[in-house]
Protein backbone atom coordinates (compact mmCIF):
# COMPACT_ATOMS: atom_id res chain seq x y z
CA MET A 1 26.11 18.12 -48.85
CA LYS A 2 28.68 20.05 -46.99
CA ILE A 3 32.18 18.56 -46.10
CA THR A 4 34.29 19.78 -43.17
CA VAL A 5 37.10 18.26 -41.82
CA TYR A 6 38.62 18.78 -38.35
CA PHE A 7 42.13 17.96 -37.96
CA ASP A 8 42.22 18.00 -34.16
CA PRO A 9 39.22 16.79 -32.16
CA LYS A 10 39.45 19.72 -29.89
CA ASP A 11 38.28 21.73 -32.58
CA VAL A 12 34.86 19.93 -33.23
CA LYS A 13 32.01 22.32 -33.06
CA PRO A 14 28.95 20.40 -31.74
CA THR A 15 26.54 22.37 -33.80
CA ILE A 16 28.02 21.15 -36.80
CA ILE A 17 28.04 17.31 -36.10
CA GLN A 18 24.84 17.51 -34.73
CA ASN A 19 22.98 16.74 -37.95
CA ALA A 20 25.54 15.20 -39.93
CA THR A 21 27.40 12.22 -40.58
CA VAL A 22 30.79 11.77 -38.24
CA VAL A 23 33.39 10.07 -39.61
CA LEU A 24 36.32 9.33 -36.77
CA ALA A 25 39.75 8.60 -38.48
CA ASP A 26 42.52 7.20 -36.16
CA VAL A 27 44.33 4.89 -38.90
CA LEU A 28 47.44 3.78 -36.54
CA ARG A 29 45.73 1.96 -34.89
CA ALA A 30 42.14 2.11 -33.46
CA THR A 31 39.93 2.73 -36.45
CA THR A 32 41.86 0.15 -38.35
CA THR A 33 41.66 -2.61 -35.36
CA ILE A 34 37.78 -2.09 -34.64
CA PRO A 35 36.23 -2.87 -38.02
CA VAL A 36 38.64 -5.56 -38.22
CA PHE A 37 36.93 -7.05 -34.99
CA LEU A 38 33.38 -6.88 -36.54
CA TYR A 39 34.59 -8.13 -39.97
CA HIS A 40 35.61 -11.25 -37.90
CA GLY A 41 32.31 -11.80 -36.41
CA ALA A 42 32.50 -9.79 -33.13
CA GLU A 43 28.72 -8.86 -31.80
CA GLY A 44 30.10 -5.29 -31.02
CA VAL A 45 32.69 -3.39 -29.74
CA ALA A 46 33.01 -1.07 -26.55
CA PHE A 47 35.13 1.80 -27.01
CA CYS A 48 36.54 2.49 -23.64
CA PRO A 49 38.85 5.46 -22.68
CA ASP A 50 40.76 3.64 -20.47
CA PRO A 51 41.88 -0.12 -18.96
CA GLY A 52 39.69 0.35 -15.75
CA THR A 53 36.59 1.22 -17.88
CA ALA A 54 37.20 -1.67 -20.21
CA LYS A 55 37.56 -4.35 -17.31
CA LYS A 56 34.15 -2.69 -15.81
CA MET A 57 32.52 -3.08 -19.45
CA PHE A 58 33.96 -6.82 -19.17
CA ASP A 59 32.70 -7.90 -15.96
CA LYS A 60 29.00 -6.71 -17.15
CA GLN A 61 29.16 -9.40 -20.02
CA LYS A 62 28.10 -13.12 -19.33
CA ARG A 63 30.80 -15.77 -18.97
CA GLY A 64 32.26 -16.24 -22.31
CA GLU A 65 30.72 -13.41 -24.13
CA GLY A 66 33.14 -11.03 -23.53
CA LEU A 67 36.95 -10.14 -24.46
CA LEU A 68 39.56 -7.73 -23.45
CA ALA A 69 41.55 -5.57 -25.77
CA GLY A 70 43.87 -2.60 -25.89
CA GLU A 71 47.10 -0.85 -26.07
CA ARG A 72 49.41 1.45 -24.21
CA ASP A 73 52.32 2.75 -26.02
CA TRP A 74 51.68 0.32 -28.89
CA GLU A 75 52.10 -2.95 -26.75
CA LYS A 76 49.21 -4.86 -25.60
CA ILE A 77 47.82 -4.08 -22.06
CA PRO A 78 49.04 -7.14 -19.53
CA GLY A 79 46.14 -9.35 -18.62
CA PHE A 80 44.15 -8.62 -21.70
CA HIS A 81 43.25 -11.20 -24.40
CA LEU A 82 44.32 -9.01 -27.56
CA GLY A 83 46.31 -5.83 -28.29
CA GLY A 84 45.84 -2.97 -30.25
CA SER A 85 47.13 -4.55 -33.44
CA PRO A 86 44.33 -5.69 -36.20
CA ASN A 87 46.66 -9.04 -37.12
CA ASP A 88 45.71 -10.10 -33.63
CA SER A 89 42.24 -10.65 -34.57
CA THR A 90 41.03 -13.71 -35.65
CA ARG A 91 37.61 -15.24 -36.26
CA ASP A 92 38.10 -17.83 -33.95
CA LYS A 93 38.95 -15.27 -31.09
CA VAL A 94 36.23 -12.79 -31.61
CA LYS A 95 33.23 -14.33 -33.09
CA GLY A 96 30.20 -13.92 -31.42
CA ARG A 97 31.87 -11.80 -28.54
CA VAL A 98 31.76 -8.16 -27.39
CA VAL A 99 35.06 -6.74 -27.44
CA CYS A 100 35.92 -4.02 -24.75
CA PHE A 101 38.72 -1.99 -26.44
CA SER A 102 40.56 0.46 -24.48
CA THR A 103 42.28 3.21 -26.88
CA GLN A 104 43.28 6.61 -26.16
CA THR A 105 41.07 7.76 -28.81
CA HIS A 106 38.30 9.87 -27.18
CA LEU A 107 34.76 9.99 -28.02
CA LYS A 108 33.50 12.66 -25.67
CA VAL A 109 33.52 15.40 -28.29
CA LEU A 110 31.34 13.57 -30.78
CA LYS A 111 28.36 12.73 -28.09
CA ASN A 112 26.03 15.29 -29.77
CA ALA A 113 26.33 13.55 -33.22
CA LYS A 114 23.66 11.97 -34.78
CA TYR A 115 25.59 9.12 -36.66
CA VAL A 116 29.00 8.28 -36.01
CA VAL A 117 31.19 5.79 -38.06
CA LEU A 118 34.78 4.65 -38.03
CA GLY A 119 36.92 4.90 -41.03
CA SER A 120 40.29 4.15 -42.14
CA PHE A 121 42.01 2.76 -45.59
CA VAL A 122 41.04 -0.54 -44.80
CA ASN A 123 37.12 -0.03 -45.19
CA LEU A 124 37.37 3.20 -47.33
CA GLY A 125 34.93 1.94 -50.03
CA ASP A 126 32.10 0.75 -47.36
CA VAL A 127 32.37 4.42 -45.69
CA TYR A 128 32.12 6.50 -48.68
CA ASP A 129 28.90 4.19 -49.21
CA SER A 130 27.62 5.11 -45.82
CA CYS A 131 27.98 8.89 -46.36
CA LEU A 132 26.24 8.86 -49.38
CA ARG A 133 23.47 6.88 -47.91
CA GLY A 134 23.14 9.14 -45.05
CA LYS A 135 21.98 12.08 -47.50
CA ARG A 136 23.57 14.37 -44.71
CA ASP A 137 26.27 16.71 -44.29
CA VAL A 138 29.42 14.71 -43.98
CA VAL A 139 32.06 15.87 -40.87
CA ILE A 140 35.64 13.87 -40.84
CA VAL A 141 37.28 14.36 -37.46
CA CYS A 142 41.11 13.13 -37.61
CA ALA A 143 42.96 12.07 -34.45
CA GLY A 144 45.80 14.33 -35.00
CA GLY A 145 48.29 12.14 -37.17
CA GLN A 146 49.42 12.94 -40.67
CA GLU A 147 47.90 9.71 -41.95
CA ASP A 148 44.45 10.59 -40.50
CA SER A 149 44.87 14.17 -42.50
CA ALA A 150 45.46 11.95 -45.65
CA PHE A 151 42.40 9.40 -45.37
CA ALA A 152 40.52 12.61 -44.81
CA GLY A 153 41.53 14.03 -48.10
CA MET A 154 41.13 10.69 -50.05
CA LEU A 155 37.54 10.19 -48.76
CA VAL A 156 36.63 13.88 -49.76
CA ASP A 157 38.34 13.26 -52.95
CA PHE A 158 36.15 10.29 -53.81
CA LEU A 159 32.82 11.92 -52.51
CA GLN A 160 33.37 15.06 -54.51
CA SER A 161 34.33 13.38 -58.08
CA THR A 162 31.67 10.44 -57.69
CA LEU A 163 28.54 12.27 -56.27
CA GLY A 164 27.37 13.54 -59.89
CA ASP A 165 24.31 15.64 -59.83
CA THR A 166 24.26 16.12 -56.15
CA PRO A 167 25.19 19.70 -55.21
CA ILE A 168 28.50 19.49 -52.95
CA VAL A 169 30.33 22.25 -50.69
CA LEU A 170 33.75 21.97 -49.85
CA ALA A 171 35.01 23.89 -46.64
CA GLU A 172 38.11 25.13 -46.80
CA SER A 173 39.56 22.45 -44.37
CA ALA A 174 38.39 19.53 -46.83
CA LYS A 175 40.11 21.51 -49.70
CA ASP A 176 43.33 21.30 -47.35
CA ALA A 177 42.77 17.94 -46.76
CA ILE A 178 42.77 17.09 -50.35
CA ALA A 179 46.15 18.73 -50.70
CA LEU A 180 47.59 16.91 -47.93
CA TYR A 181 46.57 13.46 -49.71
CA LYS A 182 47.52 14.45 -53.14
CA PRO A 183 51.37 13.95 -52.79
CA TRP A 184 50.71 10.35 -51.22
CA GLN A 185 48.19 9.40 -53.84
CA GLY A 186 49.25 5.70 -54.73
CA ARG A 187 51.83 5.59 -52.20
CA ILE A 188 49.63 5.20 -48.98
CA ILE A 189 52.46 2.70 -47.48
CA ASP A 190 55.24 5.04 -47.58
CA LEU A 191 53.11 7.55 -45.78
CA LEU A 192 52.48 5.14 -42.96
CA ARG A 193 56.39 4.33 -42.74
CA GLU A 194 57.43 7.97 -42.68
CA CYS A 195 55.15 9.57 -40.66
CA PRO A 196 55.74 9.55 -36.68
CA GLU A 197 53.58 6.80 -35.65
CA GLY A 198 54.61 4.65 -38.24
CA LYS A 199 58.53 4.61 -37.44
CA GLU A 200 57.45 3.98 -33.64
CA LEU A 201 55.34 0.95 -34.88
CA THR A 202 58.51 -0.04 -36.97
CA GLN A 203 60.77 0.32 -34.12
CA LYS A 204 58.40 -1.92 -31.83
CA GLY A 205 58.07 -4.64 -34.14
CA TYR A 206 54.82 -3.89 -35.47
CA GLY A 207 55.79 -3.40 -39.28
CA LYS A 208 53.24 -5.86 -40.65
CA ASP A 209 50.35 -3.39 -39.26
CA LEU A 210 51.59 -0.72 -41.56
CA ASP A 211 51.16 -3.20 -44.53
CA PHE A 212 47.79 -4.38 -43.19
CA ALA A 213 46.52 -0.60 -42.96
CA SER A 214 47.72 0.59 -46.20
CA LYS A 215 45.56 -1.83 -48.15
CA VAL A 216 42.59 0.27 -49.65
CA SER A 217 39.12 -1.36 -49.13
CA ARG A 218 40.85 -4.23 -47.53
CA ILE A 219 37.60 -5.57 -45.46
CA SER A 220 33.78 -4.92 -45.68
CA ALA A 221 32.81 -3.72 -42.32
CA VAL A 222 31.72 -0.12 -41.19
CA PRO A 223 31.17 0.27 -37.34
CA TYR A 224 28.76 2.45 -36.08
CA LEU A 225 28.06 4.35 -32.72
CA LYS A 226 24.59 2.77 -30.94
CA ASP A 227 24.38 2.97 -27.22
CA ASP A 228 27.80 3.36 -26.24
CA LEU A 229 29.12 0.12 -28.51
CA PHE A 230 30.03 -0.07 -32.22
CA LEU A 231 28.03 -2.43 -34.36
CA ARG A 232 28.38 -3.27 -37.72
CA GLU A 233 26.44 -1.63 -40.10
CA ASP A 234 24.41 -3.76 -42.60
CA PRO A 235 24.52 -2.25 -46.27
CA PRO A 236 20.88 -2.43 -47.80
CA LYS A 237 20.78 -5.31 -50.38
CA ARG A 238 21.31 -4.71 -54.20
CA LYS A 239 17.87 -4.22 -56.17
CA PHE A 240 18.08 -6.04 -59.49
CA PRO A 241 16.17 -5.26 -62.43
CA GLU A 242 12.83 -7.43 -63.09
CA GLU A 243 14.41 -8.91 -66.28
CA ALA A 244 17.13 -10.15 -64.00
CA LYS A 245 15.30 -12.02 -61.53
CA LYS A 246 14.79 -15.85 -61.85
CA VAL A 247 11.47 -17.37 -61.90
CA ALA A 248 11.23 -20.95 -59.90
CA PRO A 249 9.97 -23.33 -62.42
CA GLN A 250 6.85 -25.24 -61.59
CA LYS A 251 6.71 -29.46 -61.68
CA GLY A 252 5.11 -30.78 -64.74
CA LYS A 253 5.85 -27.57 -67.01
CA SER A 254 8.52 -27.41 -69.15
CA ILE A 255 10.96 -24.69 -69.50
CA LYS A 256 11.66 -22.66 -72.81
CA VAL A 257 15.46 -21.35 -73.13
CA THR A 258 15.48 -18.15 -74.89
CA VAL A 259 19.22 -17.36 -74.45
CA PRO A 260 21.34 -18.10 -77.47
CA LEU A 261 23.51 -21.30 -76.83
CA PHE A 262 26.27 -20.24 -78.65
CA PRO A 263 27.77 -16.58 -79.52
CA LYS A 264 26.62 -14.70 -82.75
CA ASN A 265 29.78 -15.95 -84.77
CA PRO A 266 29.23 -16.25 -88.91
CA GLU A 267 31.54 -19.29 -88.49
CA HIS A 268 29.45 -20.86 -85.56
CA PRO A 269 25.66 -19.93 -86.42
CA VAL A 270 23.05 -19.57 -83.70
CA PRO A 271 20.70 -22.86 -83.64
CA GLY A 272 16.83 -21.43 -84.52
CA MET A 273 18.60 -18.48 -86.26
CA GLU A 274 20.11 -20.04 -89.48
CA LYS A 275 16.70 -19.84 -91.26
CA ALA A 276 16.06 -16.30 -90.13
CA GLY A 277 19.47 -15.49 -91.27
CA LYS A 278 18.88 -16.57 -94.86
CA LYS A 279 15.27 -15.30 -95.21
CA GLY A 280 17.26 -12.03 -94.10
CA ALA A 281 19.95 -12.46 -96.87
CA ASP A 282 17.31 -13.24 -99.60
CA LYS A 283 15.69 -10.25 -98.98
CA LYS A 284 18.74 -8.13 -98.85
CA GLY A 285 20.00 -9.49 -102.04
CA ALA A 286 16.33 -8.96 -103.87
CA GLU A 287 16.42 -5.13 -102.33
CA GLY A 288 19.98 -4.76 -103.80
CA LYS A 289 18.95 -6.05 -107.27
CA LYS A 290 18.16 -3.52 -109.87
CA PRO A 291 14.78 -4.07 -111.29
CA GLU A 292 15.16 -5.93 -115.06
CA ASP A 293 13.23 -4.71 -118.12
CA LYS A 294 10.26 -7.33 -118.66
CA LYS A 295 11.00 -7.91 -122.31
CA GLY A 296 14.87 -9.26 -120.89
CA ALA A 297 13.32 -11.18 -118.16
CA ASP A 298 10.87 -12.87 -120.72
CA LYS A 299 13.73 -13.80 -123.10
CA LYS A 300 15.74 -15.19 -120.09
CA HIS A 301 12.70 -17.35 -119.46
CA GLU A 302 12.41 -18.52 -123.06
CA ASP A 303 15.85 -19.50 -123.30
CA LYS A 304 15.96 -21.41 -120.07
CA LYS A 305 13.12 -23.53 -121.33
CA ALA A 306 14.54 -24.11 -124.92
CA GLU A 307 17.49 -25.36 -122.97
CA LYS A 308 15.34 -27.66 -121.32
CA GLY A 309 13.59 -28.55 -124.49
CA ALA A 310 10.07 -27.28 -123.46
CA ALA A 311 7.88 -25.92 -126.08
CA VAL A 312 7.82 -22.09 -126.00
CA ALA A 313 4.39 -20.19 -126.77
CA PRO A 314 4.25 -18.50 -130.02
CA LYS A 315 3.75 -14.64 -130.07
CA LYS A 316 1.25 -12.93 -131.94
CA GLY A 317 1.97 -12.49 -135.75
CA GLU A 318 4.58 -15.31 -135.31
CA VAL A 319 4.18 -19.18 -137.25
CA LYS A 320 4.57 -22.14 -135.22
CA ALA A 321 7.83 -24.00 -136.04
CA ALA A 322 7.39 -27.46 -136.71
CA PRO A 323 8.24 -29.65 -133.94
CA ALA A 324 11.83 -31.39 -134.06
CA PRO A 325 11.57 -35.25 -134.93
CA LYS A 326 11.96 -37.32 -132.56
CA VAL A 327 14.67 -39.78 -132.72
CA LYS A 328 14.30 -43.46 -131.93
CA LYS A 329 16.74 -44.70 -129.52
CA PRO A 330 17.98 -48.24 -130.17
CA PRO A 331 16.53 -50.84 -128.14
CA LYS A 332 18.39 -52.12 -125.11
CA PRO A 333 20.26 -55.64 -125.89
CA LEU A 334 18.82 -58.56 -124.18
CA PHE A 335 22.08 -59.40 -122.33
CA SER A 336 24.67 -57.59 -120.85
CA LYS A 337 27.81 -59.45 -121.88
CA LYS A 338 28.05 -60.48 -126.05
CA THR A 339 27.12 -64.35 -126.73
CA VAL A 340 29.12 -66.38 -129.30
CA ALA A 341 27.44 -68.80 -131.05
CA SER A 342 28.86 -72.69 -130.85
CA ALA A 343 30.01 -74.34 -134.18
CA PRO A 344 27.45 -75.88 -136.19
CA VAL A 345 27.23 -79.60 -135.44
CA LYS A 346 26.87 -81.94 -138.64
CA MET A 347 24.64 -84.88 -138.05
CA ILE A 348 26.50 -88.11 -140.01
CA LYS A 349 24.29 -90.84 -140.70
CA LYS A 350 25.54 -94.31 -140.12
CA GLU A 351 25.80 -96.40 -142.96
CA LYS A 352 24.37 -99.60 -142.89
């Protein structure tokens, strides 16, 4: 993959962009505002070079399906529904409509390009993914501003540092773009406030647009050109491994849960694994014990039996000892309490 940067649209060579993914960058404000339109649900955005062309495109739309947007000297064009500020766009205003957008950024030099997308700081992450999916050379065309060159350098820096095994070749212009971006790394808002376009917007009262445009990967929308209309690119769905796929349970069959309900913590053992743990411990203890002498083991066994009073079999050559006499236990008392005999009663005979 070869990456080339053009800092001025007039320098673009048709042969280089013919089979490449072309990224057009006009950070303040066209390529920031158009992705916002699509992010809010617009059906498409027509890129018009002047207000007259925008009105013609608007007249072709059915009633209620079109919308006029555009700017001249940073201000909304009189009679248009929206201006060029990304903060003018809301879902209620643009959803389901074709926005006829008038801007001074021209696309005539990009007619021979195979694939054209609009890029800015706000959708940098998705533009990066789009360049990788294309598997073609990447050509970044800047509108001419200092902020556009910094965006180009940031995108080139991302591509060269994360492509991995894919071979990459940087043109001298791409290296220059990285050099222009590095001083502003992590300070995009300062760049937008200090560049000439940013100062003009601040004077016009559009300081909030600079804050919006400085947020990297703020939205997820990549406009790509198709039949003179910018549409939202649909990224491919992520493929999950077979193990992660959930199988719908069938009716009348029980589901066996194999995931442990508790973490593996010795203080909180996992249900169903306690026995296995004991067996493992016993096995481990058995392996760790040293093998004892057979005579010592027999002696221990005999001592235990002697303690319990069990008879021990005599060994060869030994005389069998006489068993110990059994001691008779005293009989249990008939009563639990001691009984005291009453005093003898004398029988007195009556005298006649």
